Every structure is written in structure tokens, then in C-alpha cells.
């Protein structure tokens, strides 16, 4: 615990930032609906965030090299706070799309900034522990932030002020307690064509998760609202899906280390498909059934990204693991940029139940593709790396997790220091 004490300011910053960003996704959907925006318009605003996220991932290494971590973080936090406040000042669909795009750019940069900062201050001996704490911070911050909605309501200025304050306050811990300026992360270079050659199934898995999980964050609140759920129930609905995502992460990951990863991918996405069908056919407007259904959906769906990454790393060559991590993030972001708009258009056309029709169809298609790969693809590699649970906050986190897994797979060395391991060894 002593070795983790210097990381407390960074983890506090990450928690505040994650809370503000998690709150904004749900708030924009509910407030947009209250302002009379159609589901399609709200879905487009959600897609704008992920378009910005792609841009932010590309520009972050350059920004950190030219300005340093503290100035880059303060700049992006200030811009994100202004964009958050501007949402309540100008109620216009196109303006909201632009502000969500700006927020996506800023948040991608902020997450990469914090994660590379954390990575620079940890060693191989405490890397896995730190990642576990970081995942817990993410889960707790995003879940708890949902309950600010029923406390402050969605109709006034106050909730936007709270969201803006969270963005600004995220600067305080690192500004007061951390004077280091670690080296910026390497540029996130990759070849989508090469990644697809390494593992078509992993690439398709990342796209599927992007399509459905981004839709859940952007359009899920509209589904719950369309069923007649109150704001407090909507907060519980979103939280149940988020908390559910951690339940099967490690059991499925452990199972994939023992048996075929493709078989576990098939199990998980089949579970996601069945949960989608349950929500369409049985959940109805029951609060209890919807909470159970979305909890189980999150439990099966959220591990799919990490399982896809593990499967791709099994088939990658030495030196390709960082490119794999960046490439999967790119494919996920592509799906995330399309999913909210497509699902929102269906909700606009057919009503709230169409949301889980879309989700079930996407996972059902992935079930079919996974079966095809099991039948037609090459067998799993006998020498495989270990599973690592991943967040989709930035490519830096994927690098950190790969380094932690690689350390566990290698025999202990007499001495090893520094935050960055060689990419050739990461898995």
C-alpha cells in the first residue's frame, strides 16, 4: 500500500473525471428528450462523442510531447468543462453534436494523459494491483454519478453546473500533489488491415461491442424513459448495466485461459443475444425485470472486448501487441460512432423496444460469425497469453494491462524498474 500512496492524486483525478463523463452521457440523452429532440438527434449527439474520441486518441501523443502532462491536462479539462456548460446555454441539436464531439476529443486526451501518468509511476511489482484499483475507481465513479440525476433533476441548470464542476475539480489533485512530468506515450500507430489478418474474429468482436455498448450509454436512457421509468429508476437501470459488466469479466477470462477463447466468446455473445431477446419479449415495463435483464446483459457483453483482445494477442507476433491494442480500440470506436445513431433511428421508428431488437441483432450476427470462425478458422494457439480485463478509456490502458499480463507470464527477474516495458514483451 505504501508503494501505491503516490498514485492517490492520480486515481482521485481519474475518479472525478470518470464521474463527470459518465454523468454527461446519460444526462444528454434525458435532457435532449425533455427538450423535444428526437431519438435520432440524440443518437447523433452520442455518435459525435465517439467521433471526437477517435480524434483525441490520435492527437494525444503529439499534445503531450509539445506541452507536457500538467498543461495538457489542464487545457483539455478546461475545454471539456466549457463544452459541458455550453450544452445548457444553447439548446440546439447541431450545437450539441459539436459540443459532444469536443468533449470526446478532450476526454480521450484526458484519459490517455492520466493513464500514461499512472503507467510512468508504477513498477512491474505493483502494476496488476494498480490496474485492479483503477478498474474499481472506474466502476464506482461511473455508477455513483448516475444517482446525481435524481438528486438534482434533469430539467434545470444545476445538474450541468455539477457536471462542469466535476470536470474542473479533476485538475486539482494532480496540480497540488504531483510535480512529475513523465515521458509522453508513443504514437498509437497500427494497420487495420494487419489486425484483421491477425484475427478477423477479434476485430469483429471489437466492432460489435462498440455498436452495442455505446448505444447502451447514449440510447439506453431513452429506452428506459420510453417504458415510463422515472429518473431514479433510469439511474438504477444504467448502473445495473455498468455493475453487471464486472461480474463475469474474470470468470469468463479465467475460462478462456483454459479452453478455446473462441468458445468462450461464443458463450458470452450468445448470452448477450438471449438477454436482448429477454428484454424484447419478457421485460416489458417492469422495473424489476428490466434491472435483472440489463444486469445480465452487462455481465455477458462487457467482457467481450477483453476476450477479443486476448484472442488477437494469442495470434499476434512478438512486437505487434501495442499495435493490436491500438487497432482494437480503433475498431471499437468505429462501432461506437455508428451504433448510437443506428439504434436511435430504430427507436425513433419503432419505439423503445426496438433498442434491444438492435442489440440482440448485433450480437446474434456475431454469434453466427463466431460459429463460422470456429468451423473454418485455424485452431487456437497452444501457447497463449493470460487474459486481462480492459477498459476502453484509451489505448494506454491496454498497454498497461498487456505489461501486467506479460509480467505474470514471465519468470521473476532480480530487478526491474520503470513504467514502460518493451512492447515486444507485452501481451
Protein backbone atom coordinates (compact mmCIF):
# COMPACT_ATOMS: atom_id res chain seq x y z
CA UNK A 1 0.00 0.00 0.00
CA UNK A 2 2.92 2.32 0.70
CA UNK A 3 4.06 1.99 -2.92
CA UNK A 4 0.60 3.00 -4.15
CA UNK A 5 0.31 6.11 -1.99
CA UNK A 6 1.90 8.45 -4.60
CA UNK A 7 -0.80 7.33 -7.05
CA UNK A 8 -3.69 8.53 -4.87
CA UNK A 9 -3.85 12.03 -6.51
CA UNK A 10 -3.88 10.48 -9.99
CA UNK A 11 -6.54 7.92 -9.07
CA UNK A 12 -8.61 10.67 -7.42
CA UNK A 13 -8.34 12.75 -10.58
CA UNK A 14 -9.37 9.75 -12.68
CA UNK A 15 -12.39 9.09 -10.44
CA UNK A 16 -13.65 12.68 -10.61
CA UNK A 17 -13.15 12.78 -14.38
CA UNK A 18 -14.87 9.43 -14.93
CA UNK A 19 -17.81 10.56 -12.79
CA UNK A 20 -18.28 13.76 -14.80
CA UNK A 21 -18.01 11.97 -18.13
CA UNK A 22 -20.30 9.11 -17.04
CA UNK A 23 -22.90 11.60 -15.86
CA UNK A 24 -22.83 13.55 -19.12
CA UNK A 25 -23.67 10.59 -21.35
CA UNK A 26 -26.93 9.83 -19.51
CA UNK A 27 -27.82 13.47 -18.90
CA UNK A 28 -27.51 14.50 -22.55
CA UNK A 29 -29.93 11.75 -23.59
CA UNK A 30 -32.55 12.55 -20.94
CA UNK A 31 -32.31 16.35 -21.22
CA UNK A 32 -32.36 16.16 -25.01
CA UNK A 33 -35.57 14.14 -24.81
CA UNK A 34 -37.06 16.67 -22.37
CA UNK A 35 -36.18 19.46 -24.81
CA UNK A 36 -38.07 17.69 -27.59
CA UNK A 37 -35.11 16.27 -29.51
CA UNK A 38 -35.94 13.12 -31.46
CA UNK A 39 -34.12 9.87 -30.59
CA UNK A 40 -32.25 10.16 -33.91
CA UNK A 41 -30.90 13.58 -32.99
CA UNK A 42 -29.89 12.34 -29.54
CA UNK A 43 -28.20 9.31 -31.11
CA UNK A 44 -26.29 11.62 -33.45
CA UNK A 45 -25.06 13.62 -30.45
CA UNK A 46 -23.93 10.37 -28.85
CA UNK A 47 -22.11 9.38 -32.04
CA UNK A 48 -20.41 12.78 -32.02
CA UNK A 49 -18.71 11.94 -28.72
CA UNK A 50 -17.12 8.83 -30.22
CA UNK A 51 -16.06 10.64 -33.39
CA UNK A 52 -14.26 13.06 -31.11
CA UNK A 53 -12.82 10.16 -29.14
CA UNK A 54 -11.13 8.83 -32.29
CA UNK A 55 -9.61 12.25 -32.99
CA UNK A 56 -8.46 12.58 -29.38
CA UNK A 57 -6.65 9.23 -29.43
CA UNK A 58 -4.64 10.31 -32.46
CA UNK A 59 -3.70 13.78 -31.21
CA UNK A 60 -2.84 12.98 -27.57
CA UNK A 61 0.78 11.79 -28.05
CA UNK A 62 1.57 14.95 -30.02
CA UNK A 63 -0.14 17.15 -27.43
CA UNK A 64 1.75 15.58 -24.51
CA UNK A 65 5.08 15.88 -26.34
CA UNK A 66 4.57 19.56 -27.09
CA UNK A 67 3.02 20.79 -23.81
CA UNK A 68 3.67 18.19 -21.09
CA UNK A 69 1.18 16.30 -18.94
CA UNK A 70 0.04 19.00 -16.49
CA UNK A 71 -0.56 21.75 -19.06
CA UNK A 72 -2.20 19.34 -21.50
CA UNK A 73 -4.49 18.03 -18.76
CA UNK A 74 -5.45 21.50 -17.55
CA UNK A 75 -6.15 22.66 -21.11
CA UNK A 76 -8.34 19.71 -22.02
CA UNK A 77 -10.19 19.77 -18.69
CA UNK A 78 -10.97 23.47 -19.16
CA UNK A 79 -12.24 22.93 -22.70
CA UNK A 80 -14.33 19.92 -21.61
CA UNK A 81 -15.83 21.96 -18.77
CA UNK A 82 -16.74 24.80 -21.14
CA UNK A 83 -18.31 22.36 -23.60
CA UNK A 84 -20.33 20.80 -20.76
CA UNK A 85 -21.65 24.16 -19.59
CA UNK A 86 -22.38 25.29 -23.15
CA UNK A 87 -24.87 22.43 -23.55
CA UNK A 88 -27.38 24.08 -21.22
CA UNK A 89 -26.77 27.57 -22.63
CA UNK A 90 -27.54 26.73 -26.27
CA UNK A 91 -30.32 24.18 -26.78
CA UNK A 92 -29.74 23.26 -30.41
CA UNK A 93 -29.21 19.78 -31.92
CA UNK A 94 -26.27 20.70 -34.17
CA UNK A 95 -24.60 22.65 -31.38
CA UNK A 96 -24.98 19.68 -29.03
CA UNK A 97 -23.38 17.41 -31.64
CA UNK A 98 -20.40 19.78 -31.83
CA UNK A 99 -20.08 20.05 -28.05
CA UNK A 100 -20.23 16.27 -27.65
CA UNK A 101 -17.56 15.92 -30.34
CA UNK A 102 -15.36 18.43 -28.48
CA UNK A 103 -15.98 16.53 -25.23
CA UNK A 104 -14.95 13.27 -26.93
CA UNK A 105 -11.67 14.80 -28.10
CA UNK A 106 -10.98 16.17 -24.62
CA UNK A 107 -11.91 13.01 -22.69
CA UNK A 108 -9.83 10.74 -24.93
CA UNK A 109 -6.88 13.04 -24.30
CA UNK A 110 -7.57 13.32 -20.56
CA UNK A 111 -7.86 9.56 -20.05
CA UNK A 112 -4.71 8.85 -22.07
CA UNK A 113 -2.94 11.59 -20.10
CA UNK A 114 -3.88 10.19 -16.68
CA UNK A 115 -3.23 6.57 -17.67
CA UNK A 116 0.20 7.29 -19.14
CA UNK A 117 0.97 9.29 -15.99
CA UNK A 118 -0.05 6.34 -13.80
CA UNK A 119 1.95 3.98 -16.01
CA UNK A 120 5.06 6.09 -15.58
CA UNK A 121 4.85 5.88 -11.77
CA UNK A 122 4.23 2.19 -11.26
CA UNK A 123 6.62 -0.74 -11.38
CA UNK A 124 6.22 -4.32 -12.51
CA UNK A 125 5.72 -5.38 -8.88
CA UNK A 126 2.55 -3.31 -8.40
CA UNK A 127 1.24 -2.93 -11.97
CA UNK A 128 -1.52 -5.57 -11.73
CA UNK A 129 -2.68 -4.25 -8.33
CA UNK A 130 -2.83 -0.70 -9.66
CA UNK A 131 -4.87 -1.75 -12.69
CA UNK A 132 -7.31 -3.55 -10.39
CA UNK A 133 -7.73 -0.41 -8.29
CA UNK A 134 -8.16 1.70 -11.43
CA UNK A 135 -10.94 -0.60 -12.68
CA UNK A 136 -12.66 -0.29 -9.29
CA UNK A 137 -12.37 3.52 -9.43
CA UNK A 138 -13.93 3.49 -12.90
CA UNK A 139 -16.80 1.23 -11.83
CA UNK A 140 -17.54 3.16 -8.65
CA UNK A 141 -17.28 6.65 -10.18
CA UNK A 142 -19.49 6.00 -13.20
CA UNK A 143 -22.08 4.08 -11.16
CA UNK A 144 -22.37 6.66 -8.38
CA UNK A 145 -22.53 9.56 -10.84
CA UNK A 146 -25.80 8.20 -12.24
CA UNK A 147 -27.51 8.93 -8.92
CA UNK A 148 -26.75 12.63 -9.20
CA UNK A 149 -29.55 12.72 -11.78
CA UNK A 150 -32.46 12.08 -9.36
CA UNK A 151 -30.79 14.29 -6.72
CA UNK A 152 -30.52 17.40 -8.91
CA UNK A 153 -33.06 16.56 -11.62
CA UNK A 154 -32.55 16.85 -15.37
CA UNK A 155 -34.65 19.91 -16.10
CA UNK A 156 -32.63 22.74 -14.63
CA UNK A 157 -29.22 24.38 -14.69
CA UNK A 158 -27.93 22.73 -11.51
CA UNK A 159 -27.05 19.31 -12.91
CA UNK A 160 -24.99 20.89 -15.70
CA UNK A 161 -23.21 23.01 -13.11
CA UNK A 162 -22.39 19.87 -11.10
CA UNK A 163 -21.09 18.13 -14.23
CA UNK A 164 -18.93 21.15 -15.10
CA UNK A 165 -17.59 21.35 -11.55
CA UNK A 166 -16.51 17.71 -11.73
CA UNK A 167 -14.58 18.39 -14.92
CA UNK A 168 -12.82 21.38 -13.35
CA UNK A 169 -12.17 19.72 -9.99
CA UNK A 170 -10.36 16.85 -11.72
CA UNK A 171 -7.43 19.26 -12.23
CA UNK A 172 -6.97 19.93 -8.51
CA UNK A 173 -5.42 16.67 -7.19
CA UNK A 174 -2.69 16.43 -9.85
CA UNK A 175 -1.96 20.16 -9.75
CA UNK A 176 -1.36 20.20 -5.99
CA UNK A 177 0.15 16.80 -5.33
CA UNK A 178 2.12 15.74 -8.41
CA UNK A 179 5.06 17.67 -9.87
CA UNK A 180 6.34 14.94 -12.17
CA UNK A 181 6.24 15.27 -15.94
CA UNK A 182 6.62 11.75 -17.35
CA UNK A 183 7.52 10.96 -20.92
CA UNK A 184 4.54 11.07 -23.32
CA UNK A 185 3.18 7.82 -24.72
CA UNK A 186 4.36 6.64 -28.11
CA UNK A 187 2.08 7.44 -31.06
CA UNK A 188 -0.76 4.95 -31.50
CA UNK A 189 0.21 3.57 -34.89
CA UNK A 190 -1.41 0.47 -36.33
CA UNK A 191 -2.63 -1.18 -39.52
CA UNK A 192 -6.34 -2.10 -39.54
CA UNK A 193 -5.65 -4.48 -42.42
CA UNK A 194 -2.94 -6.29 -40.43
CA UNK A 195 -5.18 -6.55 -37.37
CA UNK A 196 -7.96 -8.09 -39.46
CA UNK A 197 -5.42 -10.56 -40.89
CA UNK A 198 -4.24 -11.48 -37.38
CA UNK A 199 -7.75 -12.06 -36.05
CA UNK A 200 -10.93 -11.30 -38.01
CA UNK A 201 -12.94 -12.57 -35.05
CA UNK A 202 -11.31 -10.16 -32.57
CA UNK A 203 -11.82 -7.26 -34.98
CA UNK A 204 -15.49 -8.15 -35.44
CA UNK A 205 -15.84 -8.54 -31.67
CA UNK A 206 -14.46 -5.03 -31.03
CA UNK A 207 -16.85 -3.54 -33.61
CA UNK A 208 -19.82 -5.41 -32.11
CA UNK A 209 -19.00 -4.24 -28.59
CA UNK A 210 -18.65 -0.69 -29.88
CA UNK A 211 -22.02 -0.86 -31.64
CA UNK A 212 -23.92 -2.13 -28.60
CA UNK A 213 -22.18 -0.67 -25.53
CA UNK A 214 -22.01 2.85 -26.96
CA UNK A 215 -25.69 2.52 -27.86
CA UNK A 216 -26.41 1.49 -24.28
CA UNK A 217 -24.66 4.57 -22.90
CA UNK A 218 -26.31 7.00 -25.36
CA UNK A 219 -29.70 5.48 -26.19
CA UNK A 220 -30.24 3.18 -23.20
CA UNK A 221 -31.65 6.09 -21.12
CA UNK A 222 -34.20 6.75 -23.89
CA UNK A 223 -35.26 3.10 -23.82
CA UNK A 224 -35.82 3.26 -20.06
CA UNK A 225 -37.61 6.61 -20.29
CA UNK A 226 -39.81 5.30 -23.11
CA UNK A 227 -41.01 2.49 -20.85
CA UNK A 228 -42.19 5.08 -18.32
CA UNK A 229 -39.35 4.68 -15.79
CA UNK A 230 -38.71 7.66 -13.50
CA UNK A 231 -35.31 9.36 -13.33
CA UNK A 232 -34.26 7.40 -10.22
CA UNK A 233 -35.17 4.12 -11.92
CA UNK A 234 -33.29 5.17 -15.05
CA UNK A 235 -30.20 5.83 -12.92
CA UNK A 236 -30.56 2.34 -11.42
CA UNK A 237 -31.05 0.86 -14.90
CA UNK A 238 -27.83 2.41 -16.21
CA UNK A 239 -25.93 1.49 -13.04
CA UNK A 240 -27.12 -2.13 -13.22
CA UNK A 241 -25.68 -2.50 -16.72
CA UNK A 242 -22.38 -0.98 -15.65
CA UNK A 243 -22.05 -3.04 -12.44
CA UNK A 244 -23.10 -6.18 -14.29
CA UNK A 245 -20.12 -5.72 -16.57
CA UNK A 246 -17.67 -6.69 -13.83
CA UNK A 247 -19.44 -9.86 -12.62
CA UNK A 248 -18.36 -12.28 -15.36
CA UNK A 249 -15.24 -10.42 -16.52
CA UNK A 250 -12.76 -12.60 -14.66
CA UNK A 251 -14.71 -15.89 -14.56
CA UNK A 252 -15.04 -15.81 -18.36
CA UNK A 253 -11.43 -14.64 -18.69
CA UNK A 254 -10.19 -17.48 -16.50
CA UNK A 255 -12.26 -19.97 -18.51
CA UNK A 256 -10.79 -18.61 -21.76
CA UNK A 257 -7.28 -19.31 -20.40
CA UNK A 258 -8.26 -22.97 -20.02
CA UNK A 259 -10.43 -23.76 -23.05
CA UNK A 260 -10.77 -22.26 -26.53
CA UNK A 261 -11.16 -18.48 -26.41
CA UNK A 262 -13.48 -18.65 -29.40
CA UNK A 263 -15.76 -20.98 -27.47
CA UNK A 264 -15.89 -18.51 -24.57
CA UNK A 265 -16.54 -15.64 -27.00
CA UNK A 266 -19.42 -17.69 -28.37
CA UNK A 267 -20.79 -18.31 -24.87
CA UNK A 268 -20.62 -14.63 -23.96
CA UNK A 269 -22.17 -13.21 -27.11
CA UNK A 270 -24.87 -15.91 -27.05
CA UNK A 271 -25.67 -14.77 -23.51
CA UNK A 272 -25.84 -11.16 -24.75
CA UNK A 273 -28.20 -12.18 -27.55
CA UNK A 274 -30.50 -14.09 -25.20
CA UNK A 275 -30.57 -11.16 -22.78
CA UNK A 276 -31.55 -8.86 -25.65
CA UNK A 277 -34.40 -11.21 -26.57
CA UNK A 278 -35.47 -11.34 -22.91
CA UNK A 279 -35.68 -7.53 -22.84
CA UNK A 280 -37.76 -7.51 -26.05
CA UNK A 281 -40.17 -10.34 -25.22
CA UNK A 282 -40.46 -10.56 -21.45
CA UNK A 283 -39.19 -7.46 -19.58
CA UNK A 284 -41.98 -5.14 -20.71
CA UNK A 285 -42.34 -2.11 -18.47
CA UNK A 286 -41.46 -3.98 -15.28
CA UNK A 287 -38.71 -2.16 -13.41
CA UNK A 288 -37.52 -5.35 -11.71
CA UNK A 289 -37.33 -7.40 -14.92
CA UNK A 290 -35.54 -4.61 -16.77
CA UNK A 291 -32.98 -4.28 -13.98
CA UNK A 292 -32.37 -8.03 -13.99
CA UNK A 293 -32.16 -8.15 -17.78
CA UNK A 294 -29.75 -5.23 -18.16
CA UNK A 295 -27.57 -6.54 -15.31
CA UNK A 296 -27.23 -9.91 -17.07
CA UNK A 297 -26.72 -8.22 -20.44
CA UNK A 298 -23.86 -6.18 -18.99
CA UNK A 299 -22.38 -9.31 -17.40
CA UNK A 300 -22.16 -11.10 -20.76
CA UNK A 301 -21.43 -8.11 -23.01
CA UNK A 302 -18.76 -6.07 -21.23
CA UNK A 303 -16.14 -8.91 -21.14
CA UNK A 304 -16.37 -9.37 -24.92
CA UNK A 305 -13.83 -6.63 -25.63
CA UNK A 306 -11.23 -8.09 -23.28
CA UNK A 307 -11.86 -11.60 -24.63
CA UNK A 308 -11.42 -10.31 -28.19
CA UNK A 309 -8.15 -8.60 -27.23
CA UNK A 310 -6.84 -11.79 -25.60
CA UNK A 311 -7.74 -13.82 -28.71
CA UNK A 312 -5.97 -11.34 -31.01
CA UNK A 313 -2.86 -11.29 -28.80
CA UNK A 314 -2.72 -15.09 -28.92
CA UNK A 315 -2.30 -14.91 -32.69
CA UNK A 316 -0.07 -11.83 -32.90
CA UNK A 317 3.67 -11.91 -33.46
CA UNK A 318 6.19 -10.52 -30.99
CA UNK A 319 6.29 -6.74 -31.35
CA UNK A 320 2.67 -6.45 -32.53
CA UNK A 321 0.89 -6.27 -29.18
CA UNK A 322 0.83 -2.48 -28.89
CA UNK A 323 -0.49 -2.22 -32.46
CA UNK A 324 -3.14 -4.81 -31.61
CA UNK A 325 -4.26 -2.77 -28.59
CA UNK A 326 -4.46 0.45 -30.62
CA UNK A 327 -6.15 -1.28 -33.55
CA UNK A 328 -8.85 -2.88 -31.41
CA UNK A 329 -9.53 0.50 -29.82
CA UNK A 330 -9.91 1.95 -33.32
CA UNK A 331 -12.36 -0.77 -34.42
CA UNK A 332 -14.31 -0.33 -31.17
CA UNK A 333 -14.51 3.43 -31.73
CA UNK A 334 -15.75 2.90 -35.30
CA UNK A 335 -18.58 0.73 -33.99
CA UNK A 336 -19.24 3.21 -31.18
CA UNK A 337 -19.52 6.06 -33.71
CA UNK A 338 -22.19 4.21 -35.70
CA UNK A 339 -24.16 2.31 -33.04
CA UNK A 340 -25.88 5.19 -31.20
CA UNK A 341 -27.19 6.70 -34.44
CA UNK A 342 -28.46 3.37 -35.84
CA UNK A 343 -30.14 2.29 -32.60
CA UNK A 344 -31.66 5.75 -32.08
CA UNK A 345 -33.11 5.73 -35.60
CA UNK A 346 -34.77 2.37 -34.86
CA UNK A 347 -36.18 3.69 -31.57
CA UNK A 348 -37.47 6.74 -33.46
CA UNK A 349 -39.18 4.44 -35.96
CA UNK A 350 -40.44 1.51 -33.88
CA UNK A 351 -40.41 2.68 -30.26
CA UNK A 352 -38.22 1.86 -27.24
CA UNK A 353 -38.37 -1.94 -27.59
CA UNK A 354 -36.54 -1.58 -30.92
CA UNK A 355 -33.41 -0.70 -28.94
CA UNK A 356 -32.91 -4.24 -27.70
CA UNK A 357 -34.02 -5.60 -31.06
CA UNK A 358 -30.97 -3.79 -32.44
CA UNK A 359 -28.73 -5.01 -29.62
CA UNK A 360 -29.91 -8.60 -29.97
CA UNK A 361 -29.47 -8.49 -33.76
CA UNK A 362 -25.89 -7.22 -33.48
CA UNK A 363 -24.89 -9.91 -31.00
CA UNK A 364 -26.83 -12.51 -32.97
CA UNK A 365 -24.81 -11.64 -36.06
CA UNK A 366 -21.63 -12.01 -34.02
CA UNK A 367 -22.83 -15.43 -32.83
CA UNK A 368 -23.16 -16.53 -36.46
CA UNK A 369 -19.74 -15.12 -37.38
CA UNK A 370 -18.10 -16.75 -34.33
CA UNK A 371 -19.55 -20.14 -35.28
CA UNK A 372 -18.19 -19.67 -38.80
CA UNK A 373 -14.72 -18.87 -37.45
CA UNK A 374 -14.80 -21.88 -35.14
CA UNK A 375 -15.67 -24.14 -38.09
CA UNK A 376 -13.46 -22.55 -40.75
CA UNK A 377 -10.68 -20.85 -38.81
CA UNK A 378 -7.33 -22.21 -37.64
CA UNK A 379 -7.27 -23.79 -34.16
CA UNK A 380 -6.34 -21.70 -31.13
CA UNK A 381 -2.65 -21.22 -30.42
CA UNK A 382 -1.30 -23.75 -27.89
CA UNK A 383 0.98 -21.11 -26.29
CA UNK A 384 -1.36 -18.36 -25.20
CA UNK A 385 -1.03 -15.25 -23.06
CA UNK A 386 -3.19 -14.68 -20.00
CA UNK A 387 -6.48 -12.83 -20.05
CA UNK A 388 -6.56 -9.20 -18.88
CA UNK A 389 -9.70 -7.22 -18.16
CA UNK A 390 -9.60 -3.98 -20.16
CA UNK A 391 -11.29 -0.61 -20.03
CA UNK A 392 -11.93 1.32 -23.24
CA UNK A 393 -10.79 4.69 -21.93
CA UNK A 394 -7.61 4.95 -24.03
CA UNK A 395 -5.00 2.76 -25.78
CA UNK A 396 -2.64 3.50 -22.88
CA UNK A 397 -4.71 1.36 -20.51
CA UNK A 398 -4.47 -1.57 -22.94
CA UNK A 399 -0.67 -1.22 -22.91
CA UNK A 400 -0.61 -1.20 -19.13
CA UNK A 401 -2.75 -4.33 -18.94
CA UNK A 402 -0.59 -6.07 -21.55
CA UNK A 403 2.51 -5.31 -19.50
CA UNK A 404 0.87 -6.67 -16.32
CA UNK A 405 -0.13 -9.91 -18.03
CA UNK A 406 3.32 -10.28 -19.55
CA UNK A 407 4.93 -9.89 -16.14
CA UNK A 408 2.74 -12.67 -14.71
CA UNK A 409 3.67 -14.96 -17.59
CA UNK A 410 7.42 -14.39 -17.25
CA UNK A 411 9.71 -15.74 -14.52
CA UNK A 412 10.58 -13.06 -11.94
CA UNK A 413 13.70 -11.05 -12.56
CA UNK A 414 16.13 -9.85 -9.98
CA UNK A 415 15.37 -6.19 -10.57
CA UNK A 416 13.10 -4.28 -12.87
CA UNK A 417 12.16 -0.63 -12.65
CA UNK A 418 10.33 1.90 -14.75
CA UNK A 419 6.83 2.35 -16.04
CA UNK A 420 7.37 1.19 -19.61
CA UNK A 421 8.21 -2.35 -20.64
CA UNK A 422 9.24 -3.22 -24.14
CA UNK A 423 6.26 -3.63 -26.45
CA UNK A 424 7.77 -6.88 -27.75
CA UNK A 425 7.17 -8.49 -24.37
CA UNK A 426 3.68 -7.16 -23.70
CA UNK A 427 0.73 -9.42 -24.03
